[in-house]
Every structure is written in C-alpha cells, then in structure tokens.
Amino acid sequence: MEKVNEISPLVNGIYNVQTQSGSHYKIVINNLKMSLVRRPANEESALRKDGQGIKILELIQVEVGYGGRLLLAPLGEGENTLRLTTEVVAIMRADLEN
C-alpha cells in the first residue's frame, strides 16, 4: 500500500480512507466506475447503508486535512446524496487486482 494525500477519480485503485471520527471508507475506482463501503467508528455514528457498496457519482474531494465530499447514488427512493465526512487523516492506495 502507498500513502497518498488525495484521491483522483482518474487513478484506478483501492483506497482505504480514515477520517478524524474514526470511520473507515474503502473507495474503489476502476475505469471511472467508483464505489465505497463505509465502516463507522461505533454504533452511534452509523449512517444508512454502512457496510454496503454504494455507487459514487462524483468524487468531489477526498484529501488529507479536509472533510471529504462525495456525491452518491440515491440511498433509497429520491435524490442523489451528498456525503460529507469529518477531516480525512490518512489515505492508503493499493493497485486493483487483475
């Protein structure tokens, strides 16, 4: 794994993101197809669809030192969802397996 400062939607890989709240995100980018799985730090910080794959429509910003911003496919019926995270404290990148 390689430590990186930010995620670009143009760079394929598996990204493990840790936020200040202690939540972990696994973000997969494969030829502009993006998804995430979130693992909360504890039950009190749980969000809808935790532990499930969610399609990312737009990766607005995921950068160390800043809150993450991602536009997600609808989590139920209705509109797209803007997911905001606490400050990103670490990002580790691994290559996609063939």
N, C-alpha and C. Protein backbone atom coordinates (compact mmCIF):
# COMPACT_ATOMS: atom_id res chain seq x y z
N MET A 1 0.85 -1.18 0.00
CA MET A 1 0.00 0.00 0.00
C MET A 1 0.89 1.24 0.00
N GLU A 2 0.38 2.25 -0.65
CA GLU A 2 1.10 3.51 -0.79
C GLU A 2 0.28 4.63 -0.15
N LYS A 3 0.94 5.44 0.66
CA LYS A 3 0.27 6.57 1.28
C LYS A 3 0.14 7.69 0.25
N VAL A 4 -1.07 8.27 0.12
CA VAL A 4 -1.30 9.38 -0.79
C VAL A 4 -2.02 10.50 -0.05
N ASN A 5 -1.97 11.71 -0.61
CA ASN A 5 -2.60 12.87 0.04
C ASN A 5 -4.02 13.13 -0.44
N GLU A 6 -4.35 12.65 -1.64
CA GLU A 6 -5.70 12.86 -2.15
C GLU A 6 -6.04 11.78 -3.17
N ILE A 7 -7.33 11.66 -3.45
CA ILE A 7 -7.80 10.68 -4.41
C ILE A 7 -8.24 11.40 -5.68
N SER A 8 -7.74 10.93 -6.81
CA SER A 8 -8.18 11.43 -8.12
C SER A 8 -9.07 10.38 -8.75
N PRO A 9 -10.22 10.78 -9.29
CA PRO A 9 -11.10 9.81 -9.95
C PRO A 9 -10.48 9.22 -11.22
N LEU A 10 -9.35 9.76 -11.65
CA LEU A 10 -8.68 9.29 -12.86
C LEU A 10 -7.64 8.21 -12.58
N VAL A 11 -7.38 7.92 -11.30
CA VAL A 11 -6.34 6.95 -10.93
C VAL A 11 -7.01 5.72 -10.32
N ASN A 12 -7.00 4.61 -11.07
CA ASN A 12 -7.59 3.37 -10.58
C ASN A 12 -6.89 2.91 -9.32
N GLY A 13 -7.65 2.29 -8.44
CA GLY A 13 -7.06 1.73 -7.24
C GLY A 13 -8.11 1.46 -6.19
N ILE A 14 -7.63 0.88 -5.11
CA ILE A 14 -8.45 0.66 -3.92
C ILE A 14 -7.87 1.58 -2.85
N TYR A 15 -8.69 2.45 -2.34
CA TYR A 15 -8.25 3.46 -1.38
C TYR A 15 -8.88 3.19 -0.02
N ASN A 16 -8.07 3.12 1.00
CA ASN A 16 -8.56 3.00 2.37
C ASN A 16 -8.39 4.35 3.03
N VAL A 17 -9.51 4.95 3.40
CA VAL A 17 -9.54 6.31 3.92
C VAL A 17 -9.97 6.26 5.38
N GLN A 18 -9.22 6.96 6.23
CA GLN A 18 -9.59 7.08 7.64
C GLN A 18 -9.92 8.54 7.92
N THR A 19 -11.02 8.75 8.64
CA THR A 19 -11.42 10.11 8.99
C THR A 19 -11.18 10.36 10.47
N GLN A 20 -11.23 11.62 10.84
CA GLN A 20 -10.96 12.02 12.22
C GLN A 20 -11.93 11.37 13.21
N SER A 21 -13.15 11.10 12.77
CA SER A 21 -14.13 10.47 13.66
C SER A 21 -13.82 9.00 13.91
N GLY A 22 -12.88 8.44 13.13
CA GLY A 22 -12.53 7.03 13.28
C GLY A 22 -13.21 6.13 12.26
N SER A 23 -14.07 6.71 11.43
CA SER A 23 -14.72 5.91 10.38
C SER A 23 -13.71 5.58 9.29
N HIS A 24 -13.94 4.45 8.64
CA HIS A 24 -13.09 4.00 7.54
C HIS A 24 -13.93 3.84 6.29
N TYR A 25 -13.38 4.30 5.16
CA TYR A 25 -14.03 4.16 3.87
C TYR A 25 -13.12 3.36 2.95
N LYS A 26 -13.68 2.39 2.26
CA LYS A 26 -12.98 1.69 1.20
C LYS A 26 -13.57 2.22 -0.10
N ILE A 27 -12.75 2.94 -0.87
CA ILE A 27 -13.19 3.52 -2.13
C ILE A 27 -12.49 2.79 -3.26
N VAL A 28 -13.27 2.29 -4.21
CA VAL A 28 -12.72 1.57 -5.35
C VAL A 28 -12.98 2.38 -6.60
N ILE A 29 -11.91 2.63 -7.37
CA ILE A 29 -12.03 3.32 -8.65
C ILE A 29 -11.49 2.38 -9.71
N ASN A 30 -12.33 2.09 -10.71
CA ASN A 30 -11.95 1.18 -11.78
C ASN A 30 -12.51 1.74 -13.09
N ASN A 31 -11.63 2.38 -13.85
CA ASN A 31 -12.02 2.97 -15.15
C ASN A 31 -13.22 3.90 -15.00
N LEU A 32 -13.14 4.84 -14.09
CA LEU A 32 -14.13 5.86 -13.81
C LEU A 32 -15.40 5.32 -13.15
N LYS A 33 -15.46 4.03 -12.87
CA LYS A 33 -16.55 3.47 -12.07
C LYS A 33 -16.08 3.51 -10.63
N MET A 34 -16.88 4.13 -9.76
CA MET A 34 -16.45 4.34 -8.38
C MET A 34 -17.50 3.85 -7.41
N SER A 35 -17.03 3.28 -6.30
CA SER A 35 -17.94 2.84 -5.24
C SER A 35 -17.24 2.98 -3.90
N LEU A 36 -18.05 2.93 -2.84
CA LEU A 36 -17.47 2.99 -1.49
C LEU A 36 -18.23 2.07 -0.56
N VAL A 37 -17.52 1.65 0.48
CA VAL A 37 -18.12 0.95 1.61
C VAL A 37 -17.62 1.67 2.85
N ARG A 38 -18.53 2.06 3.73
CA ARG A 38 -18.17 2.78 4.95
C ARG A 38 -18.31 1.87 6.16
N ARG A 39 -17.34 1.95 7.05
CA ARG A 39 -17.36 1.27 8.33
C ARG A 39 -17.28 2.34 9.41
N PRO A 40 -18.35 2.52 10.20
CA PRO A 40 -18.34 3.57 11.23
C PRO A 40 -17.42 3.21 12.39
N ALA A 41 -16.97 4.22 13.10
CA ALA A 41 -16.11 4.02 14.27
C ALA A 41 -16.87 3.31 15.38
N ASN A 42 -18.17 3.61 15.50
CA ASN A 42 -19.00 3.00 16.54
C ASN A 42 -20.46 3.07 16.11
N GLU A 43 -21.32 2.41 16.88
CA GLU A 43 -22.74 2.36 16.52
C GLU A 43 -23.40 3.72 16.53
N GLU A 44 -22.94 4.63 17.39
CA GLU A 44 -23.54 5.95 17.49
C GLU A 44 -23.32 6.78 16.23
N SER A 45 -22.30 6.47 15.45
CA SER A 45 -22.03 7.25 14.24
C SER A 45 -22.46 6.52 12.97
N ALA A 46 -23.34 5.54 13.11
CA ALA A 46 -23.79 4.77 11.96
C ALA A 46 -24.64 5.63 11.01
N LEU A 47 -24.48 5.36 9.71
CA LEU A 47 -25.26 6.01 8.65
C LEU A 47 -25.95 4.94 7.81
N ARG A 48 -26.95 5.36 7.03
CA ARG A 48 -27.63 4.42 6.14
C ARG A 48 -26.64 3.74 5.21
N LYS A 49 -26.84 2.48 4.97
CA LYS A 49 -26.07 1.67 4.02
C LYS A 49 -24.63 1.40 4.48
N ASP A 50 -24.30 1.63 5.76
CA ASP A 50 -22.96 1.27 6.24
C ASP A 50 -22.73 -0.21 5.98
N GLY A 51 -21.52 -0.54 5.55
CA GLY A 51 -21.15 -1.92 5.28
C GLY A 51 -21.61 -2.43 3.92
N GLN A 52 -22.32 -1.59 3.17
CA GLN A 52 -22.81 -1.97 1.84
C GLN A 52 -22.14 -1.11 0.78
N GLY A 53 -21.99 -1.67 -0.41
CA GLY A 53 -21.42 -0.91 -1.52
C GLY A 53 -22.38 0.16 -2.00
N ILE A 54 -21.87 1.36 -2.21
CA ILE A 54 -22.66 2.49 -2.71
C ILE A 54 -21.93 3.07 -3.91
N LYS A 55 -22.67 3.33 -4.98
CA LYS A 55 -22.09 3.91 -6.18
C LYS A 55 -21.77 5.39 -5.95
N ILE A 56 -20.56 5.80 -6.31
CA ILE A 56 -20.14 7.20 -6.25
C ILE A 56 -20.39 7.81 -7.62
N LEU A 57 -21.18 8.86 -7.67
CA LEU A 57 -21.44 9.56 -8.93
C LEU A 57 -20.35 10.59 -9.22
N GLU A 58 -19.87 11.25 -8.17
CA GLU A 58 -18.81 12.25 -8.33
C GLU A 58 -17.97 12.29 -7.06
N LEU A 59 -16.68 12.16 -7.25
CA LEU A 59 -15.75 12.29 -6.14
C LEU A 59 -15.33 13.76 -6.13
N ILE A 60 -15.97 14.55 -5.28
CA ILE A 60 -15.75 15.99 -5.27
C ILE A 60 -14.41 16.31 -4.62
N GLN A 61 -14.17 15.78 -3.40
CA GLN A 61 -12.90 16.00 -2.73
C GLN A 61 -12.70 14.94 -1.65
N VAL A 62 -11.58 14.24 -1.73
CA VAL A 62 -11.13 13.37 -0.66
C VAL A 62 -9.63 13.62 -0.55
N GLU A 63 -9.27 14.45 0.44
CA GLU A 63 -7.89 14.91 0.59
C GLU A 63 -7.55 15.02 2.06
N VAL A 64 -6.35 14.58 2.41
CA VAL A 64 -5.89 14.65 3.80
C VAL A 64 -5.93 16.11 4.26
N GLY A 65 -6.48 16.32 5.44
CA GLY A 65 -6.55 17.66 6.02
C GLY A 65 -7.86 18.38 5.76
N TYR A 66 -8.74 17.76 4.97
CA TYR A 66 -10.03 18.37 4.62
C TYR A 66 -11.15 17.36 4.83
N GLY A 67 -12.36 17.85 5.04
CA GLY A 67 -13.51 16.97 5.07
C GLY A 67 -13.76 16.40 3.69
N GLY A 68 -14.15 15.15 3.62
CA GLY A 68 -14.44 14.53 2.33
C GLY A 68 -15.80 14.95 1.81
N ARG A 69 -15.93 15.01 0.49
CA ARG A 69 -17.20 15.35 -0.15
C ARG A 69 -17.39 14.43 -1.36
N LEU A 70 -18.47 13.64 -1.32
CA LEU A 70 -18.74 12.69 -2.39
C LEU A 70 -20.22 12.75 -2.74
N LEU A 71 -20.54 12.71 -4.03
CA LEU A 71 -21.91 12.65 -4.48
C LEU A 71 -22.24 11.19 -4.75
N LEU A 72 -23.23 10.66 -4.02
CA LEU A 72 -23.57 9.26 -4.10
C LEU A 72 -24.90 9.06 -4.83
N ALA A 73 -25.04 7.87 -5.40
CA ALA A 73 -26.32 7.49 -5.99
C ALA A 73 -27.36 7.49 -4.87
N PRO A 74 -28.62 7.64 -5.20
CA PRO A 74 -29.65 7.65 -4.17
C PRO A 74 -29.55 6.44 -3.25
N LEU A 75 -29.73 6.66 -1.95
CA LEU A 75 -29.64 5.59 -0.96
C LEU A 75 -30.99 4.94 -0.71
N GLY A 76 -31.96 5.32 -1.47
CA GLY A 76 -33.32 4.81 -1.40
C GLY A 76 -34.06 5.49 -2.53
N GLU A 77 -35.31 5.73 -2.35
CA GLU A 77 -36.04 6.49 -3.35
C GLU A 77 -35.74 7.97 -3.16
N GLY A 78 -35.58 8.68 -4.25
CA GLY A 78 -35.36 10.11 -4.14
C GLY A 78 -34.11 10.59 -4.83
N GLU A 79 -33.55 11.63 -4.28
CA GLU A 79 -32.43 12.35 -4.88
C GLU A 79 -31.09 11.69 -4.59
N ASN A 80 -30.07 12.16 -5.32
CA ASN A 80 -28.70 11.77 -5.01
C ASN A 80 -28.36 12.25 -3.60
N THR A 81 -27.33 11.67 -3.02
CA THR A 81 -26.95 12.00 -1.65
C THR A 81 -25.55 12.62 -1.64
N LEU A 82 -25.40 13.76 -0.98
CA LEU A 82 -24.09 14.37 -0.79
C LEU A 82 -23.56 13.85 0.54
N ARG A 83 -22.48 13.08 0.51
CA ARG A 83 -21.89 12.53 1.73
C ARG A 83 -20.72 13.41 2.13
N LEU A 84 -20.79 13.96 3.34
CA LEU A 84 -19.72 14.77 3.90
C LEU A 84 -19.08 13.97 5.02
N THR A 85 -17.75 13.99 5.10
CA THR A 85 -17.05 13.28 6.16
C THR A 85 -16.34 14.28 7.06
N THR A 86 -15.93 13.80 8.22
CA THR A 86 -15.04 14.61 9.04
C THR A 86 -13.69 14.67 8.33
N GLU A 87 -12.75 15.41 8.89
CA GLU A 87 -11.44 15.58 8.26
C GLU A 87 -10.79 14.24 7.94
N VAL A 88 -10.26 14.12 6.73
CA VAL A 88 -9.53 12.92 6.32
C VAL A 88 -8.14 12.98 6.96
N VAL A 89 -7.77 11.93 7.68
CA VAL A 89 -6.47 11.91 8.35
C VAL A 89 -5.45 11.02 7.65
N ALA A 90 -5.90 10.04 6.85
CA ALA A 90 -4.97 9.16 6.14
C ALA A 90 -5.66 8.52 4.95
N ILE A 91 -4.88 8.36 3.87
CA ILE A 91 -5.35 7.64 2.68
C ILE A 91 -4.23 6.69 2.25
N MET A 92 -4.59 5.42 2.10
CA MET A 92 -3.65 4.41 1.61
C MET A 92 -4.22 3.85 0.31
N ARG A 93 -3.37 3.72 -0.73
CA ARG A 93 -3.80 3.25 -2.03
C ARG A 93 -3.14 1.92 -2.36
N ALA A 94 -3.94 1.00 -2.89
CA ALA A 94 -3.43 -0.28 -3.40
C ALA A 94 -3.88 -0.42 -4.84
N ASP A 95 -3.10 -1.13 -5.64
CA ASP A 95 -3.50 -1.38 -7.02
C ASP A 95 -4.67 -2.34 -7.07
N LEU A 96 -5.47 -2.22 -8.12
CA LEU A 96 -6.54 -3.18 -8.34
C LEU A 96 -5.92 -4.52 -8.69
N GLU A 97 -6.55 -5.59 -8.23
CA GLU A 97 -6.08 -6.92 -8.58
C GLU A 97 -6.67 -7.29 -9.92
N ASN A 98 -5.89 -7.96 -10.75
CA ASN A 98 -6.37 -8.37 -12.08
C ASN A 98 -7.24 -9.59 -12.00
